[in-house]
Structures are given as structure tokens and as C-alpha cells.
C-alpha atoms as a PDB file:
ATOM      1  CA  UNK A   1      -0.251   0.175  -0.361  1.00  0.00           C
ATOM      2  CA  UNK A   2       1.802   3.210  -0.962  1.00  0.00           C
ATOM      3  CA  UNK A   3       0.221   6.693  -0.868  1.00  0.00           C
ATOM      4  CA  UNK A   4       1.948  10.218  -1.923  1.00  0.00           C
ATOM      5  CA  UNK A   5       0.958  11.607   1.548  1.00  0.00           C
ATOM      6  CA  UNK A   6       2.968   9.293   3.388  1.00  0.00           C
ATOM      7  CA  UNK A   7       5.537   9.631   1.017  1.00  0.00           C
ATOM      8  CA  UNK A   8       5.930  13.173   1.541  1.00  0.00           C
ATOM      9  CA  UNK A   9       5.561  13.378   5.303  1.00  0.00           C
ATOM     10  CA  UNK A  10       8.577  10.565   5.568  1.00  0.00           C
ATOM     11  CA  UNK A  11      10.710  12.813   3.357  1.00  0.00           C
ATOM     12  CA  UNK A  12      10.243  16.419   5.437  1.00  0.00           C
ATOM     13  CA  UNK A  13      10.941  13.709   8.844  1.00  0.00           C
ATOM     14  CA  UNK A  14      14.161  12.641   7.184  1.00  0.00           C
ATOM     15  CA  UNK A  15      15.133  16.608   6.150  1.00  0.00           C
ATOM     16  CA  UNK A  16      14.163  17.028   9.741  1.00  0.00           C
ATOM     17  CA  UNK A  17      16.700  14.923  11.280  1.00  0.00           C
ATOM     18  CA  UNK A  18      14.600  11.735  11.960  1.00  0.00           C
ATOM     19  CA  UNK A  19      16.597   8.700  11.136  1.00  0.00           C
ATOM     20  CA  UNK A  20      15.887   7.041   7.695  1.00  0.00           C
ATOM     21  CA  UNK A  21      14.779   3.795   9.578  1.00  0.00           C
ATOM     22  CA  UNK A  22      12.511   5.135  11.467  1.00  0.00           C
ATOM     23  CA  UNK A  23      10.868   7.690   9.665  1.00  0.00           C
ATOM     24  CA  UNK A  24       8.561   6.004   7.078  1.00  0.00           C
ATOM     25  CA  UNK A  25       7.085   4.248  10.614  1.00  0.00           C
ATOM     26  CA  UNK A  26       6.391   7.543  12.126  1.00  0.00           C
ATOM     27  CA  UNK A  27       4.878   9.368   9.139  1.00  0.00           C
ATOM     28  CA  UNK A  28       2.342   6.193   9.650  1.00  0.00           C
ATOM     29  CA  UNK A  29       2.045   7.017  12.895  1.00  0.00           C
ATOM     30  CA  UNK A  30       1.238  10.259  12.509  1.00  0.00           C
ATOM     31  CA  UNK A  31      -1.427  10.657   9.982  1.00  0.00           C
ATOM     32  CA  UNK A  32      -2.744   7.732  11.994  1.00  0.00           C
ATOM     33  CA  UNK A  33      -2.869  10.050  14.620  1.00  0.00           C
ATOM     34  CA  UNK A  34      -4.026  13.073  12.754  1.00  0.00           C
ATOM     35  CA  UNK A  35      -7.294  10.928  10.995  1.00  0.00           C
ATOM     36  CA  UNK A  36      -5.615  10.686   8.020  1.00  0.00           C
ATOM     37  CA  UNK A  37      -4.582   7.020   7.787  1.00  0.00           C
ATOM     38  CA  UNK A  38      -6.319   3.659   9.547  1.00  0.00           C
ATOM     39  CA  UNK A  39      -5.773   0.116   9.266  1.00  0.00           C
ATOM     40  CA  UNK A  40      -7.620   0.122   5.615  1.00  0.00           C
ATOM     41  CA  UNK A  41      -5.631   2.815   4.080  1.00  0.00           C
ATOM     42  CA  UNK A  42      -6.795   6.597   3.459  1.00  0.00           C
ATOM     43  CA  UNK A  43     -10.053   8.278   5.309  1.00  0.00           C
ATOM     44  CA  UNK A  44     -12.315  10.343   3.573  1.00  0.00           C
ATOM     45  CA  UNK A  45      -9.732  13.360   5.312  1.00  0.00           C
ATOM     46  CA  UNK A  46      -6.623  11.304   4.088  1.00  0.00           C
ATOM     47  CA  UNK A  47      -7.949  10.925   0.156  1.00  0.00           C
ATOM     48  CA  UNK A  48      -8.985  15.069   0.515  1.00  0.00           C
ATOM     49  CA  UNK A  49      -5.701  15.676   1.597  1.00  0.00           C
ATOM     50  CA  UNK A  50      -3.910  13.115  -1.404  1.00  0.00           C
ATOM     51  CA  UNK A  51      -5.714  15.211  -3.819  1.00  0.00           C
ATOM     52  CA  UNK A  52      -4.749  19.092  -2.361  1.00  0.00           C
ATOM     53  CA  UNK A  53      -2.090  20.757  -3.739  1.00  0.00           C
ATOM     54  CA  UNK A  54       0.745  22.234  -1.107  1.00  0.00           C
ATOM     55  CA  UNK A  55      -0.528  26.032  -1.139  1.00  0.00           C
ATOM     56  CA  UNK A  56      -4.267  23.969  -0.354  1.00  0.00           C
ATOM     57  CA  UNK A  57      -2.712  22.398   2.468  1.00  0.00           C
ATOM     58  CA  UNK A  58      -1.042  24.997   3.248  1.00  0.00           C
ATOM     59  CA  UNK A  59      -4.087  27.100   3.208  1.00  0.00           C
ATOM     60  CA  UNK A  60      -6.645  24.120   5.315  1.00  0.00           C
ATOM     61  CA  UNK A  61      -3.854  23.781   8.350  1.00  0.00           C
ATOM     62  CA  UNK A  62      -4.528  27.882   9.332  1.00  0.00           C
ATOM     63  CA  UNK A  63      -7.560  28.694   7.548  1.00  0.00           C
ATOM     64  CA  UNK A  64      -9.828  27.532  10.981  1.00  0.00           C
ATOM     65  CA  UNK A  65     -13.438  29.285   9.001  1.00  0.00           C
ATOM     66  CA  UNK A  66     -12.259  31.668   6.753  1.00  0.00           C
ATOM     67  CA  UNK A  67     -11.774  31.227   2.800  1.00  0.00           C
ATOM     68  CA  UNK A  68      -9.354  29.966   0.721  1.00  0.00           C
ATOM     69  CA  UNK A  69      -9.244  33.039  -1.015  1.00  0.00           C
ATOM     70  CA  UNK A  70      -8.413  34.538   2.064  1.00  0.00           C
ATOM     71  CA  UNK A  71      -4.615  33.655   2.130  1.00  0.00           C
ATOM     72  CA  UNK A  72      -1.680  34.089   0.769  1.00  0.00           C
ATOM     73  CA  UNK A  73       0.563  30.902  -0.447  1.00  0.00           C
ATOM     74  CA  UNK A  74       4.675  31.138   0.304  1.00  0.00           C
ATOM     75  CA  UNK A  75       5.597  28.400  -1.647  1.00  0.00           C
ATOM     76  CA  UNK A  76       9.422  29.436  -0.254  1.00  0.00           C
ATOM     77  CA  UNK A  77       8.488  28.369   3.551  1.00  0.00           C
ATOM     78  CA  UNK A  78       5.124  26.434   2.501  1.00  0.00           C
ATOM     79  CA  UNK A  79       2.962  28.544   4.695  1.00  0.00           C
ATOM     80  CA  UNK A  80      -0.263  30.345   3.878  1.00  0.00           C
ATOM     81  CA  UNK A  81      -0.851  33.501   5.949  1.00  0.00           C
ATOM     82  CA  UNK A  82      -3.751  36.149   5.639  1.00  0.00           C
ATOM     83  CA  UNK A  83      -4.309  38.908   3.412  1.00  0.00           C
ATOM     84  CA  UNK A  84      -4.132  42.227   4.746  1.00  0.00           C
END
């Protein structure tokens, strides 16, 4: 079972210093804790996140009840900030 979202998180963990032999298991555990994965694979929430672009995921992380159009995305930092 291969999911791009697991691979992305695994690579992010490796970049932050997690040993490669542990990063995959850590990624799966984090995604299970956040409701993106379960024992059968991707949950509905996981399927939605898998289809999102990086800017959509960044905005989704911070947006709360606001609209996606209320935010600017910075690809260099992978962060979304509220428009002024």
C-alpha cells in the first residue's frame, strides 16, 4: 500500500533529522493520529488531503472558518498567511 502523503511526510521527517529507518513508521503513526490513515488505508479525510496541492494543504492547516481566498501562500516557506 503506497500513498504519496506518507512519502511526503517521511521525506519531511528525514529532512528534519529523523533517521531514515524510523521516518516511515513515524509518518504512518502521525497520519493515523491525525485521522488521515487507518488500518485499511486512507480515510475520507486522507483522500481529500491526498488530492490537495501544497498551497491548498498549507491554507487548510491555518484557515479555521475563513475562505481559501483570504490567504496568501508562500511556496518558499510552505506557509499561508492572512491577506491584509
